[in-house]
Protein backbone atom coordinates (compact mmCIF):
# COMPACT_ATOMS: atom_id res chain seq x y z
CA MET A 1 -22.62 9.47 5.66
CA SER A 2 -21.14 11.23 8.67
CA ALA A 3 -17.39 11.42 9.05
CA GLN A 4 -17.44 9.47 12.33
CA LYS A 5 -19.60 6.71 10.85
CA ARG A 6 -17.25 6.45 7.83
CA LYS A 7 -14.22 6.31 10.15
CA ASN A 8 -15.79 3.52 12.23
CA GLU A 9 -16.73 1.61 9.09
CA LEU A 10 -13.17 1.88 7.74
CA LEU A 11 -11.75 0.68 11.07
CA VAL A 12 -13.95 -2.42 10.96
CA ILE A 13 -13.04 -3.09 7.32
CA SER A 14 -9.34 -2.61 8.09
CA GLN A 15 -9.65 -5.22 10.89
CA ARG A 16 -11.04 -7.63 8.29
CA VAL A 17 -8.13 -6.91 5.93
CA MET A 18 -5.67 -7.52 8.77
CA ARG A 19 -7.34 -10.85 9.46
CA ASP A 20 -6.83 -11.79 5.80
CA LEU A 21 -3.16 -10.73 6.01
CA GLU A 22 -2.57 -12.57 9.29
CA ARG A 23 -0.74 -15.64 7.90
CA HIS A 24 1.55 -13.44 5.82
CA LEU A 25 2.32 -11.17 8.78
CA GLN A 26 2.90 -14.10 11.13
CA ALA A 27 5.37 -15.65 8.66
CA MET A 28 7.28 -12.36 8.62
CA GLU A 29 7.23 -12.05 12.42
CA LYS A 30 8.44 -15.64 12.80
CA ALA A 31 11.22 -15.00 10.26
CA ALA A 32 12.25 -11.82 12.10
CA GLU A 33 12.34 -13.69 15.39
CA GLN A 34 14.47 -16.47 13.89
CA ILE A 35 16.86 -14.02 12.18
CA SER A 36 17.23 -12.08 15.44
CA SER A 37 18.18 -15.32 17.20
CA GLY A 38 20.95 -15.93 14.66
CA GLN A 39 19.31 -18.35 12.23
CA GLU A 40 20.20 -18.02 8.53
CA LEU A 41 17.51 -16.87 6.08
CA GLU A 42 17.91 -20.04 3.99
CA THR A 43 16.83 -22.22 6.94
CA ILE A 44 13.71 -20.24 7.82
CA ASP A 45 10.25 -21.54 7.00
CA ASP A 46 8.73 -18.76 4.91
CA ALA A 47 5.27 -20.42 4.81
CA GLY A 48 5.20 -19.96 1.04
CA TYR A 49 5.75 -16.20 1.10
CA HIS A 50 8.75 -14.49 -0.44
CA ILE A 51 10.70 -13.12 2.50
CA TYR A 52 13.87 -11.07 2.10
CA LEU A 53 16.42 -9.46 4.39
CA ALA A 54 17.21 -5.76 4.25
CA ARG A 55 20.83 -5.03 5.14
CA LYS A 56 22.65 -1.79 5.87
CA ASP A 57 24.97 -2.51 2.96
CA PRO A 58 23.07 -4.55 0.35
CA LYS A 59 26.35 -5.41 -1.44
CA ASP A 60 27.81 -6.98 1.71
CA CYS A 61 25.95 -10.21 2.53
CA GLY A 62 27.85 -10.33 5.81
CA SER A 63 26.51 -6.98 7.02
CA ARG A 64 23.95 -6.92 9.78
CA ALA A 65 20.32 -7.49 8.77
CA GLU A 66 18.10 -4.50 9.54
CA ALA A 67 14.65 -5.82 8.62
CA VAL A 68 12.58 -8.52 7.05
CA LEU A 69 10.78 -7.60 3.82
CA SER A 70 8.02 -9.26 1.90
CA THR A 71 5.97 -8.25 -1.10
CA MET A 72 2.47 -8.79 -2.34
CA ASN A 73 1.16 -8.05 -5.78
CA TYR A 74 -0.74 -4.73 -5.71
CA ASP A 75 -3.74 -6.27 -7.48
CA GLU A 76 -3.90 -9.03 -4.87
CA PHE A 77 -3.75 -6.44 -2.09
CA TYR A 78 -6.50 -4.41 -3.80
CA ARG A 79 -8.66 -7.56 -4.04
CA LEU A 80 -8.27 -8.05 -0.27
CA LEU A 81 -9.42 -4.48 0.31
CA GLU A 82 -12.26 -4.82 -2.17
CA LYS A 83 -13.43 -8.14 -0.69
CA ALA A 84 -13.41 -6.81 2.87
CA ALA A 85 -15.18 -3.60 1.82
CA GLY A 86 -17.77 -5.60 -0.13
CA GLU A 87 -18.61 -7.67 2.95
CA PHE A 88 -19.64 -4.43 4.64
CA GLY A 89 -21.61 -3.14 1.66
CA LEU A 90 -18.98 -0.71 0.42
CA CYS A 91 -18.18 -1.04 -3.27
CA LEU A 92 -14.81 0.53 -4.04
CA GLU A 93 -15.50 0.54 -7.79
CA VAL A 94 -18.61 2.70 -7.26
CA GLU A 95 -16.56 5.11 -5.13
CA THR A 96 -14.06 5.68 -7.97
CA LYS A 97 -14.44 9.01 -9.71
CA MET A 98 -12.77 10.03 -12.93
CA GLU A 99 -11.14 13.43 -12.89
CA VAL A 100 -10.23 15.19 -16.13
CA VAL A 101 -7.92 18.19 -16.07
CA LEU A 102 -8.00 20.25 -19.24
CA PRO A 103 -5.32 22.75 -20.19
CA GLU A 104 -6.22 26.41 -19.99
CA ALA A 105 -6.22 28.56 -23.09
CA GLU A 106 -3.47 31.14 -23.26
CA PHE A 107 -4.35 34.68 -24.27
CA GLU A 108 -1.73 37.08 -25.45
CA GLU A 109 -1.85 40.77 -26.23
CA ASN A 110 -3.99 41.62 -29.29
CA MET A 111 -5.43 38.10 -29.53
CA ILE A 112 -9.10 37.63 -30.09
CA THR A 113 -9.06 33.92 -29.32
CA GLY A 114 -6.82 31.88 -27.08
CA GLY A 115 -4.29 29.33 -28.14
CA PHE A 116 -2.91 26.11 -26.74
CA GLU A 117 0.71 26.65 -27.71
CA LYS A 118 2.07 25.24 -24.44
CA PHE A 119 -0.48 22.45 -24.44
CA LYS A 120 1.05 19.43 -22.73
CA GLY A 121 -2.01 17.22 -22.89
CA LEU A 122 -4.90 16.59 -20.67
CA ALA A 123 -4.74 14.52 -17.54
CA VAL A 124 -7.25 11.81 -16.74
CA GLU A 125 -7.05 10.24 -13.31
CA HIS A 126 -9.15 7.83 -11.34
CA HIS A 127 -9.57 9.12 -7.82
CA ASN A 128 -11.00 7.06 -4.99
CA GLU A 129 -10.99 8.85 -1.66
CA CYS A 130 -12.62 5.89 0.08
CA LEU A 131 -9.85 3.53 -1.10
CA GLU A 132 -7.21 5.99 0.08
CA GLU A 133 -8.85 6.24 3.51
CA LEU A 134 -9.09 2.45 3.75
CA MET A 135 -5.42 2.06 2.84
CA VAL A 136 -4.49 4.62 5.51
CA ALA A 137 -6.56 2.67 8.07
CA VAL A 138 -4.83 -0.61 7.12
CA CYS A 139 -1.40 1.07 7.21
CA PHE A 140 -2.20 2.45 10.66
CA ARG A 141 -3.08 -1.06 11.91
CA LEU A 142 0.13 -2.43 10.40
CA LYS A 143 2.12 0.34 12.09
CA GLU A 144 0.53 -0.53 15.43
CA ARG A 145 1.88 -4.03 14.93
CA GLY A 146 5.39 -2.81 14.10
CA PHE A 147 5.21 -3.01 10.30
CA ALA A 148 5.75 -0.36 7.69
CA VAL A 149 4.15 -0.64 4.27
CA ALA A 150 4.69 0.99 0.90
CA CYS A 151 2.23 0.69 -1.96
CA VAL A 152 3.45 1.03 -5.53
CA PRO A 153 0.22 1.10 -7.57
CA ASP A 154 0.10 -1.45 -10.40
CA GLU A 155 3.22 -3.14 -9.01
CA ASP A 156 3.76 -4.31 -5.44
CA VAL A 157 2.91 -3.71 -1.83
CA ILE A 158 6.05 -3.95 0.29
CA PHE A 159 5.82 -4.98 3.93
CA TYR A 160 8.78 -4.03 6.14
CA LEU A 161 9.37 -5.37 9.65
CA PRO A 162 12.45 -4.03 11.51
CA LEU A 163 14.45 -6.62 13.41
CA ASP A 164 14.85 -6.35 17.16
CA GLN A 165 18.58 -5.94 17.68
C-alpha cells in the first residue's frame, strides 16, 4: 500500500473515531463553556462522563481552573479504533507484530565461547505501526478541535480541554 493511500485511509478512519467520540467531546466542551461563565462543576451536566477540573494549584480548590479533563478506559478507546478500522477493512490485530530482542553474547580475552554474564533478560514487545499512525491521526484531529490527549496503555486515555479565560 502506498504511503499516500495509507495516510488517506487513516484520515478517514480517524474521522470515524471522532464521530464515535463526539458525545464525550461535546460534554467536555459544554462543561468548559459553563465553567468559563462561572458555573460550579457540581452543577454541570456531565452527560454521564467523568469530568474533572485541572487547577493551577490542585491543593487549593479556590484557585483558578485551567482546563477540563475527562478519561476513558484505554481498552474502550482501543475498541473504538479497532471498530472504526474494521469498518474500512483494516484489522489492527493482523497488523500487530511481535518483536523479540535477545541479549548479545559477551566475549572476553582468551574465551572460546561467549557468556551472558550481564544478561538482563530478553525483551518481547508487540509493535503495531498502523495503530500508532491511527492514534497520531486521531490526536491530530483532537488537537484541531482544541483538545490534547495522553494515552497510558493498559490504563486510561486522558482528554484535556483548556478553558478560555
